[in-house]
ModelCIF file with pLDDT and N, C-alpha, C, O atoms, coordinates in Angstrom:
data_MODEL
#
_entry.id   MODEL 
#
_entity.id                         1 
_entity.type                       polymer 
_entity.pdbx_number_of_molecules   1 
#
_entity_poly.entity_id                      1 
_entity_poly.type                           'polypeptide(L)' 
_entity_poly.nstd_linkage                   no 
_entity_poly.nstd_monomer                   no 
_entity_poly.pdbx_seq_one_letter_code       
;(UNK)(UNK)(UNK)(UNK)(UNK)(UNK)(UNK)(UNK)(UNK)(UNK)(UNK)(UNK)(UNK)(UNK)(UNK)(UNK)
(UNK)(UNK)(UNK)(UNK)(UNK)(UNK)(UNK)(UNK)(UNK)(UNK)(UNK)(UNK)(UNK)(UNK)(UNK)(UNK)
(UNK)(UNK)(UNK)(UNK)(UNK)(UNK)(UNK)(UNK)(UNK)(UNK)(UNK)
;
_entity_poly.pdbx_seq_one_letter_code_can   XXXXXXXXXXXXXXXXXXXXXXXXXXXXXXXXXXXXXXXXXXX 
_entity_poly.pdbx_strand_id                 A 
#
loop_
_entity_poly_seq.entity_id 
_entity_poly_seq.num 
_entity_poly_seq.mon_id 
_entity_poly_seq.hetero 
1 1  UNK n 
1 2  UNK n 
1 3  UNK n 
1 4  UNK n 
1 5  UNK n 
1 6  UNK n 
1 7  UNK n 
1 8  UNK n 
1 9  UNK n 
1 10 UNK n 
1 11 UNK n 
1 12 UNK n 
1 13 UNK n 
1 14 UNK n 
1 15 UNK n 
1 16 UNK n 
1 17 UNK n 
1 18 UNK n 
1 19 UNK n 
1 20 UNK n 
1 21 UNK n 
1 22 UNK n 
1 23 UNK n 
1 24 UNK n 
1 25 UNK n 
1 26 UNK n 
1 27 UNK n 
1 28 UNK n 
1 29 UNK n 
1 30 UNK n 
1 31 UNK n 
1 32 UNK n 
1 33 UNK n 
1 34 UNK n 
1 35 UNK n 
1 36 UNK n 
1 37 UNK n 
1 38 UNK n 
1 39 UNK n 
1 40 UNK n 
1 41 UNK n 
1 42 UNK n 
1 43 UNK n 
#
_struct_asym.id          A 
_struct_asym.entity_id   1 
#
loop_
_ma_qa_metric.id 
_ma_qa_metric.mode 
_ma_qa_metric.name 
_ma_qa_metric.software_group_id 
_ma_qa_metric.type 
1 global pLDDT . pLDDT 
2 local  pLDDT . pLDDT 
#
_ma_qa_metric_global.metric_id      1 
_ma_qa_metric_global.metric_value   94.81 
_ma_qa_metric_global.model_id       1 
_ma_qa_metric_global.ordinal_id     1 
#
loop_
_ma_qa_metric_local.label_asym_id 
_ma_qa_metric_local.label_comp_id 
_ma_qa_metric_local.label_seq_id 
_ma_qa_metric_local.metric_id 
_ma_qa_metric_local.metric_value 
_ma_qa_metric_local.model_id 
_ma_qa_metric_local.ordinal_id 
A UNK 1  2 98.00 1 1  
A UNK 2  2 97.00 1 2  
A UNK 3  2 97.00 1 3  
A UNK 4  2 97.00 1 4  
A UNK 5  2 97.00 1 5  
A UNK 6  2 96.00 1 6  
A UNK 7  2 96.00 1 7  
A UNK 8  2 96.00 1 8  
A UNK 9  2 96.00 1 9  
A UNK 10 2 97.00 1 10 
A UNK 11 2 97.00 1 11 
A UNK 12 2 97.00 1 12 
A UNK 13 2 97.00 1 13 
A UNK 14 2 97.00 1 14 
A UNK 15 2 97.00 1 15 
A UNK 16 2 98.00 1 16 
A UNK 17 2 97.00 1 17 
A UNK 18 2 97.00 1 18 
A UNK 19 2 96.00 1 19 
A UNK 20 2 96.00 1 20 
A UNK 21 2 96.00 1 21 
A UNK 22 2 96.00 1 22 
A UNK 23 2 95.00 1 23 
A UNK 24 2 95.00 1 24 
A UNK 25 2 95.00 1 25 
A UNK 26 2 95.00 1 26 
A UNK 27 2 93.00 1 27 
A UNK 28 2 92.00 1 28 
A UNK 29 2 89.00 1 29 
A UNK 30 2 90.00 1 30 
A UNK 31 2 86.00 1 31 
A UNK 32 2 90.00 1 32 
A UNK 33 2 91.00 1 33 
A UNK 34 2 93.00 1 34 
A UNK 35 2 93.00 1 35 
A UNK 36 2 91.00 1 36 
A UNK 37 2 92.00 1 37 
A UNK 38 2 94.00 1 38 
A UNK 39 2 94.00 1 39 
A UNK 40 2 95.00 1 40 
A UNK 41 2 95.00 1 41 
A UNK 42 2 95.00 1 42 
A UNK 43 2 96.00 1 43 
#
loop_
_atom_site.group_PDB 
_atom_site.id 
_atom_site.type_symbol 
_atom_site.label_atom_id 
_atom_site.label_alt_id 
_atom_site.label_comp_id 
_atom_site.label_asym_id 
_atom_site.label_entity_id 
_atom_site.label_seq_id 
_atom_site.pdbx_PDB_ins_code 
_atom_site.Cartn_x 
_atom_site.Cartn_y 
_atom_site.Cartn_z 
_atom_site.occupancy 
_atom_site.B_iso_or_equiv 
_atom_site.pdbx_formal_charge 
_atom_site.auth_seq_id 
_atom_site.auth_comp_id 
_atom_site.auth_asym_id 
_atom_site.auth_atom_id 
_atom_site.pdbx_PDB_model_num 
ATOM 1   N N  . UNK A 1 1  ? 339.489 113.302 71.141 1.00 98.00 ? 1  UNK A N  1 
ATOM 2   C CA . UNK A 1 1  ? 339.241 114.014 72.387 1.00 98.00 ? 1  UNK A CA 1 
ATOM 3   C C  . UNK A 1 1  ? 339.700 115.438 72.119 1.00 98.00 ? 1  UNK A C  1 
ATOM 4   O O  . UNK A 1 1  ? 340.782 115.648 71.571 1.00 98.00 ? 1  UNK A O  1 
ATOM 5   N N  . UNK A 1 2  ? 338.893 116.408 72.497 1.00 97.00 ? 2  UNK A N  1 
ATOM 6   C CA . UNK A 1 2  ? 339.212 117.792 72.152 1.00 97.00 ? 2  UNK A CA 1 
ATOM 7   C C  . UNK A 1 2  ? 338.921 118.726 73.311 1.00 97.00 ? 2  UNK A C  1 
ATOM 8   O O  . UNK A 1 2  ? 338.122 118.426 74.198 1.00 97.00 ? 2  UNK A O  1 
ATOM 9   N N  . UNK A 1 3  ? 339.596 119.871 73.276 1.00 97.00 ? 3  UNK A N  1 
ATOM 10  C CA . UNK A 1 3  ? 339.391 120.907 74.279 1.00 97.00 ? 3  UNK A CA 1 
ATOM 11  C C  . UNK A 1 3  ? 339.116 122.213 73.544 1.00 97.00 ? 3  UNK A C  1 
ATOM 12  O O  . UNK A 1 3  ? 339.872 122.616 72.661 1.00 97.00 ? 3  UNK A O  1 
ATOM 13  N N  . UNK A 1 4  ? 338.028 122.861 73.921 1.00 97.00 ? 4  UNK A N  1 
ATOM 14  C CA . UNK A 1 4  ? 337.667 124.160 73.365 1.00 97.00 ? 4  UNK A CA 1 
ATOM 15  C C  . UNK A 1 4  ? 337.927 125.242 74.410 1.00 97.00 ? 4  UNK A C  1 
ATOM 16  O O  . UNK A 1 4  ? 337.668 125.046 75.597 1.00 97.00 ? 4  UNK A O  1 
ATOM 17  N N  . UNK A 1 5  ? 338.430 126.364 73.965 1.00 97.00 ? 5  UNK A N  1 
ATOM 18  C CA . UNK A 1 5  ? 338.527 127.543 74.814 1.00 97.00 ? 5  UNK A CA 1 
ATOM 19  C C  . UNK A 1 5  ? 337.270 128.363 74.578 1.00 97.00 ? 5  UNK A C  1 
ATOM 20  O O  . UNK A 1 5  ? 336.927 128.681 73.440 1.00 97.00 ? 5  UNK A O  1 
ATOM 21  N N  . UNK A 1 6  ? 336.590 128.701 75.659 1.00 96.00 ? 6  UNK A N  1 
ATOM 22  C CA . UNK A 1 6  ? 335.359 129.498 75.543 1.00 96.00 ? 6  UNK A CA 1 
ATOM 23  C C  . UNK A 1 6  ? 335.692 130.976 75.754 1.00 96.00 ? 6  UNK A C  1 
ATOM 24  O O  . UNK A 1 6  ? 336.733 131.311 76.318 1.00 96.00 ? 6  UNK A O  1 
ATOM 25  N N  . UNK A 1 7  ? 334.798 131.854 75.297 1.00 96.00 ? 7  UNK A N  1 
ATOM 26  C CA . UNK A 1 7  ? 335.031 133.292 75.393 1.00 96.00 ? 7  UNK A CA 1 
ATOM 27  C C  . UNK A 1 7  ? 335.170 133.787 76.827 1.00 96.00 ? 7  UNK A C  1 
ATOM 28  O O  . UNK A 1 7  ? 335.788 134.825 77.064 1.00 96.00 ? 7  UNK A O  1 
ATOM 29  N N  . UNK A 1 8  ? 334.604 133.059 77.789 1.00 96.00 ? 8  UNK A N  1 
ATOM 30  C CA . UNK A 1 8  ? 334.735 133.475 79.187 1.00 96.00 ? 8  UNK A CA 1 
ATOM 31  C C  . UNK A 1 8  ? 336.023 132.958 79.828 1.00 96.00 ? 8  UNK A C  1 
ATOM 32  O O  . UNK A 1 8  ? 336.245 133.159 81.023 1.00 96.00 ? 8  UNK A O  1 
ATOM 33  N N  . UNK A 1 9  ? 336.877 132.292 79.037 1.00 96.00 ? 9  UNK A N  1 
ATOM 34  C CA . UNK A 1 9  ? 338.151 131.790 79.545 1.00 96.00 ? 9  UNK A CA 1 
ATOM 35  C C  . UNK A 1 9  ? 338.098 130.364 80.063 1.00 96.00 ? 9  UNK A C  1 
ATOM 36  O O  . UNK A 1 9  ? 339.129 129.798 80.426 1.00 96.00 ? 9  UNK A O  1 
ATOM 37  N N  . UNK A 1 10 ? 336.912 129.778 80.101 1.00 97.00 ? 10 UNK A N  1 
ATOM 38  C CA . UNK A 1 10 ? 336.782 128.401 80.559 1.00 97.00 ? 10 UNK A CA 1 
ATOM 39  C C  . UNK A 1 10 ? 337.115 127.433 79.422 1.00 97.00 ? 10 UNK A C  1 
ATOM 40  O O  . UNK A 1 10 ? 337.206 127.824 78.259 1.00 97.00 ? 10 UNK A O  1 
ATOM 41  N N  . UNK A 1 11 ? 337.294 126.170 79.785 1.00 97.00 ? 11 UNK A N  1 
ATOM 42  C CA . UNK A 1 11 ? 337.561 125.126 78.802 1.00 97.00 ? 11 UNK A CA 1 
ATOM 43  C C  . UNK A 1 11 ? 336.415 124.129 78.781 1.00 97.00 ? 11 UNK A C  1 
ATOM 44  O O  . UNK A 1 11 ? 335.804 123.848 79.812 1.00 97.00 ? 11 UNK A O  1 
ATOM 45  N N  . UNK A 1 12 ? 336.129 123.599 77.608 1.00 97.00 ? 12 UNK A N  1 
ATOM 46  C CA . UNK A 1 12 ? 335.162 122.508 77.459 1.00 97.00 ? 12 UNK A CA 1 
ATOM 47  C C  . UNK A 1 12 ? 335.903 121.332 76.834 1.00 97.00 ? 12 UNK A C  1 
ATOM 48  O O  . UNK A 1 12 ? 336.623 121.502 75.851 1.00 97.00 ? 12 UNK A O  1 
ATOM 49  N N  . UNK A 1 13 ? 335.730 120.146 77.398 1.00 97.00 ? 13 UNK A N  1 
ATOM 50  C CA . UNK A 1 13 ? 336.369 118.934 76.894 1.00 97.00 ? 13 UNK A CA 1 
ATOM 51  C C  . UNK A 1 13 ? 335.304 117.947 76.460 1.00 97.00 ? 13 UNK A C  1 
ATOM 52  O O  . UNK A 1 13 ? 334.309 117.747 77.156 1.00 97.00 ? 13 UNK A O  1 
ATOM 53  N N  . UNK A 1 14 ? 335.516 117.328 75.304 1.00 97.00 ? 14 UNK A N  1 
ATOM 54  C CA . UNK A 1 14 ? 334.578 116.335 74.809 1.00 97.00 ? 14 UNK A CA 1 
ATOM 55  C C  . UNK A 1 14 ? 335.273 115.326 73.925 1.00 97.00 ? 14 UNK A C  1 
ATOM 56  O O  . UNK A 1 14 ? 336.483 115.395 73.710 1.00 97.00 ? 14 UNK A O  1 
ATOM 57  N N  . UNK A 1 15 ? 334.490 114.381 73.412 1.00 97.00 ? 15 UNK A N  1 
ATOM 58  C CA . UNK A 1 15 ? 335.021 113.413 72.455 1.00 97.00 ? 15 UNK A CA 1 
ATOM 59  C C  . UNK A 1 15 ? 334.022 113.251 71.326 1.00 97.00 ? 15 UNK A C  1 
ATOM 60  O O  . UNK A 1 15 ? 332.830 113.505 71.499 1.00 97.00 ? 15 UNK A O  1 
ATOM 61  N N  . UNK A 1 16 ? 334.514 112.825 70.167 1.00 98.00 ? 16 UNK A N  1 
ATOM 62  C CA . UNK A 1 16 ? 333.668 112.673 68.994 1.00 98.00 ? 16 UNK A CA 1 
ATOM 63  C C  . UNK A 1 16 ? 334.358 111.802 67.962 1.00 98.00 ? 16 UNK A C  1 
ATOM 64  O O  . UNK A 1 16 ? 335.564 111.568 68.044 1.00 98.00 ? 16 UNK A O  1 
ATOM 65  N N  . UNK A 1 17 ? 333.601 111.327 67.000 1.00 97.00 ? 17 UNK A N  1 
ATOM 66  C CA . UNK A 1 17 ? 334.234 110.618 65.889 1.00 97.00 ? 17 UNK A CA 1 
ATOM 67  C C  . UNK A 1 17 ? 334.378 111.513 64.666 1.00 97.00 ? 17 UNK A C  1 
ATOM 68  O O  . UNK A 1 17 ? 335.070 111.146 63.716 1.00 97.00 ? 17 UNK A O  1 
ATOM 69  N N  . UNK A 1 18 ? 333.732 112.689 64.670 1.00 97.00 ? 18 UNK A N  1 
ATOM 70  C CA . UNK A 1 18 ? 333.870 113.638 63.571 1.00 97.00 ? 18 UNK A CA 1 
ATOM 71  C C  . UNK A 1 18 ? 334.131 115.028 64.161 1.00 97.00 ? 18 UNK A C  1 
ATOM 72  O O  . UNK A 1 18 ? 333.201 115.743 64.533 1.00 97.00 ? 18 UNK A O  1 
ATOM 73  N N  . UNK A 1 19 ? 335.382 115.384 64.237 1.00 96.00 ? 19 UNK A N  1 
ATOM 74  C CA . UNK A 1 19 ? 335.787 116.612 64.919 1.00 96.00 ? 19 UNK A CA 1 
ATOM 75  C C  . UNK A 1 19 ? 335.233 117.867 64.253 1.00 96.00 ? 19 UNK A C  1 
ATOM 76  O O  . UNK A 1 19 ? 334.732 118.758 64.940 1.00 96.00 ? 19 UNK A O  1 
ATOM 77  N N  . UNK A 1 20 ? 335.312 117.950 62.942 1.00 96.00 ? 20 UNK A N  1 
ATOM 78  C CA . UNK A 1 20 ? 334.841 119.157 62.238 1.00 96.00 ? 20 UNK A CA 1 
ATOM 79  C C  . UNK A 1 20 ? 333.352 119.406 62.470 1.00 96.00 ? 20 UNK A C  1 
ATOM 80  O O  . UNK A 1 20 ? 332.942 120.532 62.750 1.00 96.00 ? 20 UNK A O  1 
ATOM 81  N N  . UNK A 1 21 ? 332.553 118.359 62.354 1.00 96.00 ? 21 UNK A N  1 
ATOM 82  C CA . UNK A 1 21 ? 331.105 118.504 62.544 1.00 96.00 ? 21 UNK A CA 1 
ATOM 83  C C  . UNK A 1 21 ? 330.791 118.877 63.987 1.00 96.00 ? 21 UNK A C  1 
ATOM 84  O O  . UNK A 1 21 ? 329.932 119.722 64.239 1.00 96.00 ? 21 UNK A O  1 
ATOM 85  N N  . UNK A 1 22 ? 331.475 118.257 64.925 1.00 96.00 ? 22 UNK A N  1 
ATOM 86  C CA . UNK A 1 22 ? 331.211 118.523 66.338 1.00 96.00 ? 22 UNK A CA 1 
ATOM 87  C C  . UNK A 1 22 ? 331.558 119.972 66.704 1.00 96.00 ? 22 UNK A C  1 
ATOM 88  O O  . UNK A 1 22 ? 330.813 120.622 67.437 1.00 96.00 ? 22 UNK A O  1 
ATOM 89  N N  . UNK A 1 23 ? 332.673 120.470 66.200 1.00 95.00 ? 23 UNK A N  1 
ATOM 90  C CA . UNK A 1 23 ? 333.059 121.857 66.472 1.00 95.00 ? 23 UNK A CA 1 
ATOM 91  C C  . UNK A 1 23 ? 332.019 122.810 65.892 1.00 95.00 ? 23 UNK A C  1 
ATOM 92  O O  . UNK A 1 23 ? 331.638 123.789 66.533 1.00 95.00 ? 23 UNK A O  1 
ATOM 93  N N  . UNK A 1 24 ? 331.568 122.518 64.687 1.00 95.00 ? 24 UNK A N  1 
ATOM 94  C CA . UNK A 1 24 ? 330.538 123.352 64.055 1.00 95.00 ? 24 UNK A CA 1 
ATOM 95  C C  . UNK A 1 24 ? 329.256 123.367 64.899 1.00 95.00 ? 24 UNK A C  1 
ATOM 96  O O  . UNK A 1 24 ? 328.637 124.418 65.065 1.00 95.00 ? 24 UNK A O  1 
ATOM 97  N N  . UNK A 1 25 ? 328.862 122.216 65.427 1.00 95.00 ? 25 UNK A N  1 
ATOM 98  C CA . UNK A 1 25 ? 327.668 122.148 66.281 1.00 95.00 ? 25 UNK A CA 1 
ATOM 99  C C  . UNK A 1 25 ? 327.845 123.000 67.539 1.00 95.00 ? 25 UNK A C  1 
ATOM 100 O O  . UNK A 1 25 ? 326.922 123.700 67.955 1.00 95.00 ? 25 UNK A O  1 
ATOM 101 N N  . UNK A 1 26 ? 329.027 122.936 68.136 1.00 95.00 ? 26 UNK A N  1 
ATOM 102 C CA . UNK A 1 26 ? 329.299 123.778 69.314 1.00 95.00 ? 26 UNK A CA 1 
ATOM 103 C C  . UNK A 1 26 ? 329.165 125.254 68.950 1.00 95.00 ? 26 UNK A C  1 
ATOM 104 O O  . UNK A 1 26 ? 328.563 126.023 69.700 1.00 95.00 ? 26 UNK A O  1 
ATOM 105 N N  . UNK A 1 27 ? 329.711 125.649 67.823 1.00 93.00 ? 27 UNK A N  1 
ATOM 106 C CA . UNK A 1 27 ? 329.654 127.052 67.403 1.00 93.00 ? 27 UNK A CA 1 
ATOM 107 C C  . UNK A 1 27 ? 328.224 127.509 67.145 1.00 93.00 ? 27 UNK A C  1 
ATOM 108 O O  . UNK A 1 27 ? 327.899 128.683 67.325 1.00 93.00 ? 27 UNK A O  1 
ATOM 109 N N  . UNK A 1 28 ? 327.375 126.584 66.726 1.00 92.00 ? 28 UNK A N  1 
ATOM 110 C CA . UNK A 1 28 ? 325.967 126.909 66.475 1.00 92.00 ? 28 UNK A CA 1 
ATOM 111 C C  . UNK A 1 28 ? 325.120 126.845 67.739 1.00 92.00 ? 28 UNK A C  1 
ATOM 112 O O  . UNK A 1 28 ? 323.924 127.136 67.703 1.00 92.00 ? 28 UNK A O  1 
ATOM 113 N N  . UNK A 1 29 ? 325.744 126.461 68.871 1.00 89.00 ? 29 UNK A N  1 
ATOM 114 C CA . UNK A 1 29 ? 325.009 126.370 70.134 1.00 89.00 ? 29 UNK A CA 1 
ATOM 115 C C  . UNK A 1 29 ? 324.244 125.080 70.292 1.00 89.00 ? 29 UNK A C  1 
ATOM 116 O O  . UNK A 1 29 ? 323.356 124.992 71.139 1.00 89.00 ? 29 UNK A O  1 
ATOM 117 N N  . UNK A 1 30 ? 324.567 124.068 69.490 1.00 90.00 ? 30 UNK A N  1 
ATOM 118 C CA . UNK A 1 30 ? 323.847 122.802 69.543 1.00 90.00 ? 30 UNK A CA 1 
ATOM 119 C C  . UNK A 1 30 ? 324.753 121.623 69.909 1.00 90.00 ? 30 UNK A C  1 
ATOM 120 O O  . UNK A 1 30 ? 324.335 120.469 69.814 1.00 90.00 ? 30 UNK A O  1 
ATOM 121 N N  . UNK A 1 31 ? 325.996 121.909 70.328 1.00 86.00 ? 31 UNK A N  1 
ATOM 122 C CA . UNK A 1 31 ? 326.949 120.842 70.593 1.00 86.00 ? 31 UNK A CA 1 
ATOM 123 C C  . UNK A 1 31 ? 326.817 120.219 71.967 1.00 86.00 ? 31 UNK A C  1 
ATOM 124 O O  . UNK A 1 31 ? 326.934 119.003 72.115 1.00 86.00 ? 31 UNK A O  1 
ATOM 125 N N  . UNK A 1 32 ? 326.575 121.043 72.972 1.00 90.00 ? 32 UNK A N  1 
ATOM 126 C CA . UNK A 1 32 ? 326.456 120.576 74.354 1.00 90.00 ? 32 UNK A CA 1 
ATOM 127 C C  . UNK A 1 32 ? 325.800 121.674 75.173 1.00 90.00 ? 32 UNK A C  1 
ATOM 128 O O  . UNK A 1 32 ? 325.842 122.848 74.804 1.00 90.00 ? 32 UNK A O  1 
ATOM 129 N N  . UNK A 1 33 ? 325.204 121.293 76.268 1.00 91.00 ? 33 UNK A N  1 
ATOM 130 C CA . UNK A 1 33 ? 324.542 122.264 77.132 1.00 91.00 ? 33 UNK A CA 1 
ATOM 131 C C  . UNK A 1 33 ? 325.534 123.330 77.615 1.00 91.00 ? 33 UNK A C  1 
ATOM 132 O O  . UNK A 1 33 ? 325.202 124.514 77.668 1.00 91.00 ? 33 UNK A O  1 
ATOM 133 N N  . UNK A 1 34 ? 326.749 122.902 77.964 1.00 93.00 ? 34 UNK A N  1 
ATOM 134 C CA . UNK A 1 34 ? 327.751 123.841 78.468 1.00 93.00 ? 34 UNK A CA 1 
ATOM 135 C C  . UNK A 1 34 ? 328.094 124.903 77.437 1.00 93.00 ? 34 UNK A C  1 
ATOM 136 O O  . UNK A 1 34 ? 328.180 126.085 77.768 1.00 93.00 ? 34 UNK A O  1 
ATOM 137 N N  . UNK A 1 35 ? 328.289 124.496 76.199 1.00 93.00 ? 35 UNK A N  1 
ATOM 138 C CA . UNK A 1 35 ? 328.695 125.460 75.169 1.00 93.00 ? 35 UNK A CA 1 
ATOM 139 C C  . UNK A 1 35 ? 327.536 126.314 74.668 1.00 93.00 ? 35 UNK A C  1 
ATOM 140 O O  . UNK A 1 35 ? 327.746 127.242 73.887 1.00 93.00 ? 35 UNK A O  1 
ATOM 141 N N  . UNK A 1 36 ? 326.316 126.014 75.109 1.00 91.00 ? 36 UNK A N  1 
ATOM 142 C CA . UNK A 1 36 ? 325.199 126.912 74.794 1.00 91.00 ? 36 UNK A CA 1 
ATOM 143 C C  . UNK A 1 36 ? 325.337 128.205 75.588 1.00 91.00 ? 36 UNK A C  1 
ATOM 144 O O  . UNK A 1 36 ? 325.022 129.288 75.095 1.00 91.00 ? 36 UNK A O  1 
ATOM 145 N N  . UNK A 1 37 ? 325.815 128.075 76.834 1.00 92.00 ? 37 UNK A N  1 
ATOM 146 C CA . UNK A 1 37 ? 325.928 129.254 77.688 1.00 92.00 ? 37 UNK A CA 1 
ATOM 147 C C  . UNK A 1 37 ? 327.361 129.779 77.795 1.00 92.00 ? 37 UNK A C  1 
ATOM 148 O O  . UNK A 1 37 ? 327.578 130.886 78.287 1.00 92.00 ? 37 UNK A O  1 
ATOM 149 N N  . UNK A 1 38 ? 328.328 128.999 77.342 1.00 94.00 ? 38 UNK A N  1 
ATOM 150 C CA . UNK A 1 38 ? 329.735 129.398 77.326 1.00 94.00 ? 38 UNK A CA 1 
ATOM 151 C C  . UNK A 1 38 ? 330.219 129.277 75.884 1.00 94.00 ? 38 UNK A C  1 
ATOM 152 O O  . UNK A 1 38 ? 330.788 128.257 75.493 1.00 94.00 ? 38 UNK A O  1 
ATOM 153 N N  . UNK A 1 39 ? 329.990 130.308 75.115 1.00 94.00 ? 39 UNK A N  1 
ATOM 154 C CA . UNK A 1 39 ? 330.270 130.290 73.672 1.00 94.00 ? 39 UNK A CA 1 
ATOM 155 C C  . UNK A 1 39 ? 331.727 129.890 73.389 1.00 94.00 ? 39 UNK A C  1 
ATOM 156 O O  . UNK A 1 39 ? 332.649 130.519 73.908 1.00 94.00 ? 39 UNK A O  1 
ATOM 157 N N  . UNK A 1 40 ? 331.938 128.856 72.575 1.00 95.00 ? 40 UNK A N  1 
ATOM 158 C CA . UNK A 1 40 ? 333.302 128.444 72.263 1.00 95.00 ? 40 UNK A CA 1 
ATOM 159 C C  . UNK A 1 40 ? 334.014 129.441 71.345 1.00 95.00 ? 40 UNK A C  1 
ATOM 160 O O  . UNK A 1 40 ? 333.447 129.935 70.370 1.00 95.00 ? 40 UNK A O  1 
ATOM 161 N N  . UNK A 1 41 ? 335.253 129.715 71.683 1.00 95.00 ? 41 UNK A N  1 
ATOM 162 C CA . UNK A 1 41 ? 336.059 130.645 70.898 1.00 95.00 ? 41 UNK A CA 1 
ATOM 163 C C  . UNK A 1 41 ? 336.880 129.901 69.859 1.00 95.00 ? 41 UNK A C  1 
ATOM 164 O O  . UNK A 1 41 ? 336.876 130.258 68.681 1.00 95.00 ? 41 UNK A O  1 
ATOM 165 N N  . UNK A 1 42 ? 337.599 128.844 70.309 1.00 95.00 ? 42 UNK A N  1 
ATOM 166 C CA . UNK A 1 42 ? 338.422 128.099 69.358 1.00 95.00 ? 42 UNK A CA 1 
ATOM 167 C C  . UNK A 1 42 ? 338.814 126.741 69.925 1.00 95.00 ? 42 UNK A C  1 
ATOM 168 O O  . UNK A 1 42 ? 338.783 126.514 71.135 1.00 95.00 ? 42 UNK A O  1 
ATOM 169 N N  . UNK A 1 43 ? 339.178 125.862 69.032 1.00 96.00 ? 43 UNK A N  1 
ATOM 170 C CA . UNK A 1 43 ? 339.723 124.556 69.378 1.00 96.00 ? 43 UNK A CA 1 
ATOM 171 C C  . UNK A 1 43 ? 341.179 124.775 69.772 1.00 96.00 ? 43 UNK A C  1 
ATOM 172 O O  . UNK A 1 43 ? 341.877 123.820 70.112 1.00 96.00 ? 43 UNK A O  1 
#
């Protein structure tokens, strides 16, 4: 279970079985609908 801080100051919470791959997908804009419009800054 992970929490990302987005550039707009919001948080995104999700779960995964492969954390590194999932974070990379979020950074590429393909991880979740929310992180497409709220760019993730860091885990």
